[in-house]
PDB file of N, CA and C in Angstrom:
ATOM      1  N   MET A   1     -46.647  34.618  29.508  1.00  0.00           N
ATOM      2  CA  MET A   1     -46.342  34.480  28.106  1.00  0.00           C
ATOM      3  C   MET A   1     -46.014  35.879  27.565  1.00  0.00           C
ATOM      4  N   ASP A   2     -44.932  35.963  26.830  1.00  0.00           N
ATOM      5  CA  ASP A   2     -44.515  37.268  26.303  1.00  0.00           C
ATOM      6  C   ASP A   2     -45.241  37.600  24.991  1.00  0.00           C
ATOM      7  N   ASP A   3     -45.072  38.838  24.546  1.00  0.00           N
ATOM      8  CA  ASP A   3     -45.757  39.308  23.332  1.00  0.00           C
ATOM      9  C   ASP A   3     -45.370  38.491  22.104  1.00  0.00           C
ATOM     10  N   TYR A   4     -44.095  38.122  21.999  1.00  0.00           N
ATOM     11  CA  TYR A   4     -43.632  37.342  20.850  1.00  0.00           C
ATOM     12  C   TYR A   4     -44.370  36.002  20.786  1.00  0.00           C
ATOM     13  N   ALA A   5     -44.483  35.317  21.921  1.00  0.00           N
ATOM     14  CA  ALA A   5     -45.164  34.022  21.958  1.00  0.00           C
ATOM     15  C   ALA A   5     -46.640  34.179  21.611  1.00  0.00           C
ATOM     16  N   ARG A   6     -47.289  35.208  22.155  1.00  0.00           N
ATOM     17  CA  ARG A   6     -48.704  35.454  21.845  1.00  0.00           C
ATOM     18  C   ARG A   6     -48.906  35.710  20.353  1.00  0.00           C
ATOM     19  N   ASP A   7     -48.025  36.522  19.771  1.00  0.00           N
ATOM     20  CA  ASP A   7     -48.131  36.816  18.336  1.00  0.00           C
ATOM     21  C   ASP A   7     -47.905  35.568  17.493  1.00  0.00           C
ATOM     22  N   ARG A   8     -46.962  34.750  17.913  1.00  0.00           N
ATOM     23  CA  ARG A   8     -46.658  33.527  17.171  1.00  0.00           C
ATOM     24  C   ARG A   8     -47.839  32.555  17.206  1.00  0.00           C
ATOM     25  N   ILE A   9     -48.458  32.418  18.364  1.00  0.00           N
ATOM     26  CA  ILE A   9     -49.622  31.538  18.496  1.00  0.00           C
ATOM     27  C   ILE A   9     -50.787  32.077  17.672  1.00  0.00           C
ATOM     28  N   ALA A  10     -51.041  33.377  17.767  1.00  0.00           N
ATOM     29  CA  ALA A  10     -52.131  33.990  16.998  1.00  0.00           C
ATOM     30  C   ALA A  10     -51.901  33.826  15.502  1.00  0.00           C
ATOM     31  N   SER A  11     -50.666  33.986  15.066  1.00  0.00           N
ATOM     32  CA  SER A  11     -50.328  33.840  13.655  1.00  0.00           C
ATOM     33  C   SER A  11     -50.564  32.405  13.185  1.00  0.00           C
ATOM     34  N   LYS A  12     -50.189  31.435  14.010  1.00  0.00           N
ATOM     35  CA  LYS A  12     -50.380  30.027  13.653  1.00  0.00           C
ATOM     36  C   LYS A  12     -51.865  29.687  13.568  1.00  0.00           C
ATOM     37  N   LEU A  13     -52.660  30.178  14.514  1.00  0.00           N
ATOM     38  CA  LEU A  13     -54.098  29.925  14.477  1.00  0.00           C
ATOM     39  C   LEU A  13     -54.734  30.566  13.247  1.00  0.00           C
ATOM     40  N   ASP A  14     -54.285  31.763  12.899  1.00  0.00           N
ATOM     41  CA  ASP A  14     -54.786  32.434  11.697  1.00  0.00           C
ATOM     42  C   ASP A  14     -54.409  31.640  10.445  1.00  0.00           C
ATOM     43  N   GLU A  15     -53.188  31.129  10.420  1.00  0.00           N
ATOM     44  CA  GLU A  15     -52.735  30.315   9.280  1.00  0.00           C
ATOM     45  C   GLU A  15     -53.620  29.083   9.111  1.00  0.00           C
ATOM     46  N   ILE A  16     -53.932  28.420  10.215  1.00  0.00           N
ATOM     47  CA  ILE A  16     -54.775  27.225  10.162  1.00  0.00           C
ATOM     48  C   ILE A  16     -56.180  27.577   9.678  1.00  0.00           C
ATOM     49  N   ALA A  17     -56.721  28.663  10.199  1.00  0.00           N
ATOM     50  CA  ALA A  17     -58.092  29.053   9.861  1.00  0.00           C
ATOM     51  C   ALA A  17     -58.244  29.491   8.410  1.00  0.00           C
ATOM     52  N   THR A  18     -57.179  29.992   7.810  1.00  0.00           N
ATOM     53  CA  THR A  18     -57.284  30.532   6.450  1.00  0.00           C
ATOM     54  C   THR A  18     -56.604  29.672   5.389  1.00  0.00           C
ATOM     55  N   ASP A  19     -56.045  28.532   5.770  1.00  0.00           N
ATOM     56  CA  ASP A  19     -55.361  27.657   4.816  1.00  0.00           C
ATOM     57  C   ASP A  19     -56.363  27.096   3.808  1.00  0.00           C
ATOM     58  N   LYS A  20     -56.168  27.413   2.538  1.00  0.00           N
ATOM     59  CA  LYS A  20     -57.095  26.973   1.489  1.00  0.00           C
ATOM     60  C   LYS A  20     -56.868  25.525   1.066  1.00  0.00           C
ATOM     61  N   TRP A  21     -55.707  24.969   1.380  1.00  0.00           N
ATOM     62  CA  TRP A  21     -55.339  23.660   0.854  1.00  0.00           C
ATOM     63  C   TRP A  21     -55.464  22.536   1.871  1.00  0.00           C
ATOM     64  N   ARG A  22     -55.530  22.876   3.146  1.00  0.00           N
ATOM     65  CA  ARG A  22     -55.615  21.838   4.175  1.00  0.00           C
ATOM     66  C   ARG A  22     -56.743  22.167   5.143  1.00  0.00           C
ATOM     67  N   ASP A  23     -57.452  21.135   5.580  1.00  0.00           N
ATOM     68  CA  ASP A  23     -58.460  21.316   6.621  1.00  0.00           C
ATOM     69  C   ASP A  23     -57.757  21.539   7.957  1.00  0.00           C
ATOM     70  N   PRO A  24     -58.382  22.266   8.881  1.00  0.00           N
ATOM     71  CA  PRO A  24     -57.747  22.498  10.184  1.00  0.00           C
ATOM     72  C   PRO A  24     -57.256  21.231  10.882  1.00  0.00           C
ATOM     73  N   PRO A  25     -58.019  20.115  10.868  1.00  0.00           N
ATOM     74  CA  PRO A  25     -57.513  18.924  11.548  1.00  0.00           C
ATOM     75  C   PRO A  25     -56.198  18.391  10.977  1.00  0.00           C
ATOM     76  N   ASP A  26     -55.892  18.713   9.726  1.00  0.00           N
ATOM     77  CA  ASP A  26     -54.636  18.253   9.133  1.00  0.00           C
ATOM     78  C   ASP A  26     -53.421  18.899   9.798  1.00  0.00           C
ATOM     79  N   HIS A  27     -53.612  19.994  10.488  1.00  0.00           N
ATOM     80  CA  HIS A  27     -52.524  20.688  11.175  1.00  0.00           C
ATOM     81  C   HIS A  27     -52.307  20.150  12.589  1.00  0.00           C
ATOM     82  N   LEU A  28     -53.245  19.354  13.082  1.00  0.00           N
ATOM     83  CA  LEU A  28     -53.247  18.936  14.480  1.00  0.00           C
ATOM     84  C   LEU A  28     -52.803  17.494  14.623  1.00  0.00           C
ATOM     85  N   GLU A  29     -52.351  17.159  15.830  1.00  0.00           N
ATOM     86  CA  GLU A  29     -51.947  15.794  16.141  1.00  0.00           C
ATOM     87  C   GLU A  29     -52.896  15.233  17.194  1.00  0.00           C
ATOM     88  N   PRO A  30     -53.365  13.998  17.006  1.00  0.00           N
ATOM     89  CA  PRO A  30     -54.257  13.406  18.005  1.00  0.00           C
ATOM     90  C   PRO A  30     -53.507  13.097  19.299  1.00  0.00           C
ATOM     91  N   LEU A  31     -54.226  13.139  20.399  1.00  0.00           N
ATOM     92  CA  LEU A  31     -53.677  12.764  21.700  1.00  0.00           C
ATOM     93  C   LEU A  31     -54.485  11.588  22.232  1.00  0.00           C
ATOM     94  N   GLN A  32     -53.798  10.540  22.658  1.00  0.00           N
ATOM     95  CA  GLN A  32     -54.494   9.377  23.196  1.00  0.00           C
ATOM     96  C   GLN A  32     -55.205   9.750  24.486  1.00  0.00           C
ATOM     97  N   GLY A  33     -56.448   9.343  24.583  1.00  0.00           N
ATOM     98  CA  GLY A  33     -57.205   9.541  25.808  1.00  0.00           C
ATOM     99  C   GLY A  33     -57.598  10.978  26.098  1.00  0.00           C
ATOM    100  N   ALA A  34     -57.449  11.859  25.140  1.00  0.00           N
ATOM    101  CA  ALA A  34     -57.805  13.269  25.354  1.00  0.00           C
ATOM    102  C   ALA A  34     -58.960  13.644  24.432  1.00  0.00           C
ATOM    103  N   PRO A  35     -59.827  14.535  24.893  1.00  0.00           N
ATOM    104  CA  PRO A  35     -60.956  14.944  24.055  1.00  0.00           C
ATOM    105  C   PRO A  35     -60.586  16.028  23.043  1.00  0.00           C
ATOM    106  N   HIS A  36     -59.305  16.335  22.956  1.00  0.00           N
ATOM    107  CA  HIS A  36     -58.861  17.382  22.038  1.00  0.00           C
ATOM    108  C   HIS A  36     -57.602  16.925  21.312  1.00  0.00           C
ATOM    109  N   GLU A  37     -57.164  17.724  20.376  1.00  0.00           N
ATOM    110  CA  GLU A  37     -55.951  17.426  19.627  1.00  0.00           C
ATOM    111  C   GLU A  37     -54.879  18.436  19.993  1.00  0.00           C
ATOM    112  N   LYS A  38     -53.649  18.149  19.588  1.00  0.00           N
ATOM    113  CA  LYS A  38     -52.510  18.978  19.971  1.00  0.00           C
ATOM    114  C   LYS A  38     -52.011  19.793  18.787  1.00  0.00           C
ATOM    115  N   LEU A  39     -51.629  21.021  19.087  1.00  0.00           N
ATOM    116  CA  LEU A  39     -50.965  21.881  18.121  1.00  0.00           C
ATOM    117  C   LEU A  39     -49.682  22.373  18.770  1.00  0.00           C
ATOM    118  N   ARG A  40     -48.565  22.213  18.075  1.00  0.00           N
ATOM    119  CA  ARG A  40     -47.279  22.682  18.596  1.00  0.00           C
ATOM    120  C   ARG A  40     -46.954  24.034  17.995  1.00  0.00           C
ATOM    121  N   VAL A  41     -46.620  24.977  18.859  1.00  0.00           N
ATOM    122  CA  VAL A  41     -46.179  26.304  18.435  1.00  0.00           C
ATOM    123  C   VAL A  41     -44.997  26.668  19.326  1.00  0.00           C
ATOM    124  N   GLY A  42     -43.793  26.513  18.781  1.00  0.00           N
ATOM    125  CA  GLY A  42     -42.595  26.773  19.589  1.00  0.00           C
ATOM    126  C   GLY A  42     -42.596  25.877  20.814  1.00  0.00           C
ATOM    127  N   PRO A  43     -42.343  26.437  22.004  1.00  0.00           N
ATOM    128  CA  PRO A  43     -42.306  25.623  23.214  1.00  0.00           C
ATOM    129  C   PRO A  43     -43.694  25.375  23.808  1.00  0.00           C
ATOM    130  N   PHE A  44     -44.738  25.829  23.140  1.00  0.00           N
ATOM    131  CA  PHE A  44     -46.089  25.699  23.677  1.00  0.00           C
ATOM    132  C   PHE A  44     -46.856  24.585  22.990  1.00  0.00           C
ATOM    133  N   ARG A  45     -47.747  23.970  23.768  1.00  0.00           N
ATOM    134  CA  ARG A  45     -48.651  22.948  23.262  1.00  0.00           C
ATOM    135  C   ARG A  45     -50.060  23.446  23.522  1.00  0.00           C
ATOM    136  N   LEU A  46     -50.858  23.486  22.456  1.00  0.00           N
ATOM    137  CA  LEU A  46     -52.229  23.956  22.566  1.00  0.00           C
ATOM    138  C   LEU A  46     -53.170  22.779  22.437  1.00  0.00           C
ATOM    139  N   GLY A  47     -54.161  22.717  23.305  1.00  0.00           N
ATOM    140  CA  GLY A  47     -55.235  21.742  23.185  1.00  0.00           C
ATOM    141  C   GLY A  47     -56.328  22.375  22.345  1.00  0.00           C
ATOM    142  N   ILE A  48     -56.630  21.770  21.202  1.00  0.00           N
ATOM    143  CA  ILE A  48     -57.570  22.345  20.241  1.00  0.00           C
ATOM    144  C   ILE A  48     -58.714  21.364  19.983  1.00  0.00           C
ATOM    145  N   ARG A  49     -59.919  21.879  19.934  1.00  0.00           N
ATOM    146  CA  ARG A  49     -61.063  21.080  19.497  1.00  0.00           C
ATOM    147  C   ARG A  49     -61.623  21.741  18.246  1.00  0.00           C
ATOM    148  N   VAL A  50     -61.920  20.938  17.237  1.00  0.00           N
ATOM    149  CA  VAL A  50     -62.421  21.446  15.956  1.00  0.00           C
ATOM    150  C   VAL A  50     -63.912  21.151  15.849  1.00  0.00           C
ATOM    151  N   ASN A  51     -64.688  22.176  15.525  1.00  0.00           N
ATOM    152  CA  ASN A  51     -66.109  22.016  15.234  1.00  0.00           C
ATOM    153  C   ASN A  51     -66.258  22.223  13.731  1.00  0.00           C
ATOM    154  N   ARG A  52     -66.333  21.127  13.013  1.00  0.00           N
ATOM    155  CA  ARG A  52     -66.390  21.209  11.543  1.00  0.00           C
ATOM    156  C   ARG A  52     -67.710  21.787  11.049  1.00  0.00           C
ATOM    157  N   THR A  53     -68.779  21.512  11.762  1.00  0.00           N
ATOM    158  CA  THR A  53     -70.090  22.012  11.345  1.00  0.00           C
ATOM    159  C   THR A  53     -70.116  23.535  11.326  1.00  0.00           C
ATOM    160  N   ASP A  54     -69.644  24.140  12.409  1.00  0.00           N
ATOM    161  CA  ASP A  54     -69.656  25.603  12.524  1.00  0.00           C
ATOM    162  C   ASP A  54     -68.353  26.251  12.065  1.00  0.00           C
ATOM    163  N   LYS A  55     -67.398  25.412  11.646  1.00  0.00           N
ATOM    164  CA  LYS A  55     -66.089  25.891  11.192  1.00  0.00           C
ATOM    165  C   LYS A  55     -65.404  26.749  12.259  1.00  0.00           C
ATOM    166  N   LEU A  56     -65.295  26.159  13.457  1.00  0.00           N
ATOM    167  CA  LEU A  56     -64.673  26.852  14.586  1.00  0.00           C
ATOM    168  C   LEU A  56     -63.530  26.029  15.157  1.00  0.00           C
ATOM    169  N   LEU A  57     -62.513  26.717  15.627  1.00  0.00           N
ATOM    170  CA  LEU A  57     -61.429  26.109  16.392  1.00  0.00           C
ATOM    171  C   LEU A  57     -61.559  26.602  17.824  1.00  0.00           C
ATOM    172  N   TYR A  58     -61.602  25.691  18.765  1.00  0.00           N
ATOM    173  CA  TYR A  58     -61.656  26.057  20.177  1.00  0.00           C
ATOM    174  C   TYR A  58     -60.298  25.779  20.799  1.00  0.00           C
ATOM    175  N   VAL A  59     -59.680  26.792  21.350  1.00  0.00           N
ATOM    176  CA  VAL A  59     -58.426  26.612  22.077  1.00  0.00           C
ATOM    177  C   VAL A  59     -58.810  26.322  23.520  1.00  0.00           C
ATOM    178  N   LEU A  60     -58.587  25.089  23.953  1.00  0.00           N
ATOM    179  CA  LEU A  60     -58.994  24.669  25.286  1.00  0.00           C
ATOM    180  C   LEU A  60     -57.925  24.947  26.328  1.00  0.00           C
ATOM    181  N   ARG A  61     -56.674  24.926  25.893  1.00  0.00           N
ATOM    182  CA  ARG A  61     -55.584  25.167  26.836  1.00  0.00           C
ATOM    183  C   ARG A  61     -54.309  25.501  26.091  1.00  0.00           C
ATOM    184  N   ILE A  62     -53.460  26.231  26.758  1.00  0.00           N
ATOM    185  CA  ILE A  62     -52.126  26.552  26.245  1.00  0.00           C
ATOM    186  C   ILE A  62     -51.163  26.290  27.390  1.00  0.00           C
ATOM    187  N   ARG A  63     -50.231  25.393  27.153  1.00  0.00           N
ATOM    188  CA  ARG A  63     -49.258  25.059  28.195  1.00  0.00           C
ATOM    189  C   ARG A  63     -47.873  24.967  27.584  1.00  0.00           C
ATOM    190  N   LYS A  64     -46.897  25.312  28.383  1.00  0.00           N
ATOM    191  CA  LYS A  64     -45.518  25.190  27.941  1.00  0.00           C
ATOM    192  C   LYS A  64     -45.143  23.713  27.916  1.00  0.00           C
ATOM    193  N   ARG A  65     -44.363  23.327  26.935  1.00  0.00           N
ATOM    194  CA  ARG A  65     -43.966  21.933  26.749  1.00  0.00           C
ATOM    195  C   ARG A  65     -43.292  21.397  28.004  1.00  0.00           C
ATOM    196  N   GLY A  66     -43.522  20.117  28.251  1.00  0.00           N
ATOM    197  CA  GLY A  66     -42.948  19.463  29.421  1.00  0.00           C
ATOM    198  C   GLY A  66     -43.937  19.477  30.568  1.00  0.00           C
ATOM    199  N   GLY A  67     -43.578  18.822  31.632  1.00  0.00           N
ATOM    200  CA  GLY A  67     -44.442  18.836  32.812  1.00  0.00           C
ATOM    201  C   GLY A  67     -45.839  18.352  32.510  1.00  0.00           C
ATOM    202  N   ASP A  68     -46.812  19.237  32.641  1.00  0.00           N
ATOM    203  CA  ASP A  68     -48.209  18.841  32.492  1.00  0.00           C
ATOM    204  C   ASP A  68     -48.811  19.192  31.136  1.00  0.00           C
ATOM    205  N   ALA A  69     -48.004  19.511  30.163  1.00  0.00           N
ATOM    206  CA  ALA A  69     -48.534  19.913  28.852  1.00  0.00           C
ATOM    207  C   ALA A  69     -49.343  18.808  28.189  1.00  0.00           C
ATOM    208  N   TYR A  70     -49.016  17.553  28.483  1.00  0.00           N
ATOM    209  CA  TYR A  70     -49.698  16.446  27.822  1.00  0.00           C
ATOM    210  C   TYR A  70     -50.683  15.727  28.733  1.00  0.00           C
ATOM    211  N   ARG A  71     -50.805  16.170  29.963  1.00  0.00           N
ATOM    212  CA  ARG A  71     -51.741  15.530  30.886  1.00  0.00           C
ATOM    213  C   ARG A  71     -53.123  16.136  30.729  1.00  0.00           C
ATOM    214  N   SER A  72     -54.120  15.305  30.982  1.00  0.00           N
ATOM    215  CA  SER A  72     -55.487  15.833  30.928  1.00  0.00           C
ATOM    216  C   SER A  72     -55.726  16.684  32.165  1.00  0.00           C
ATOM    217  N   ASP A  73     -56.720  17.528  32.115  1.00  0.00           N
ATOM    218  CA  ASP A  73     -57.035  18.396  33.248  1.00  0.00           C
ATOM    219  C   ASP A  73     -57.586  17.612  34.427  1.00  0.00           C
ATOM    220  N   ASP A  74     -57.978  16.355  34.199  1.00  0.00           N
ATOM    221  CA  ASP A  74     -58.528  15.521  35.265  1.00  0.00           C
ATOM    222  C   ASP A  74     -57.450  14.934  36.155  1.00  0.00           C
ATOM    223  N   ASP A  75     -56.191  14.929  35.694  1.00  0.00           N
ATOM    224  CA  ASP A  75     -55.092  14.323  36.470  1.00  0.00           C
ATOM    225  C   ASP A  75     -54.692  15.194  37.638  1.00  0.00           C
TER     226      ASP A  75
END
C-alpha cells in the first residue's frame, strides 16, 4: 500500500471518529455472515468492528477490492 492510500484511509477513519452529526456505524455497510462491517475507501475495503461502549473502532482487515475482499477469513 502506498503513502497516498495510507493517508486516505487514516483520513477517513479520523473523519468517522470525529463526525459530530453521525455515529460511526452510519458510515459503515453491513456484510452478510460477517462479524464486522465494511468501509469503502477508494479501491480498499476495510473490515471494521465498532465498540459503542468504549467508543472504539477496530480495523480488522484491509484488502484491495475484488478477489477475497468480501470473503471471511475462515474461507
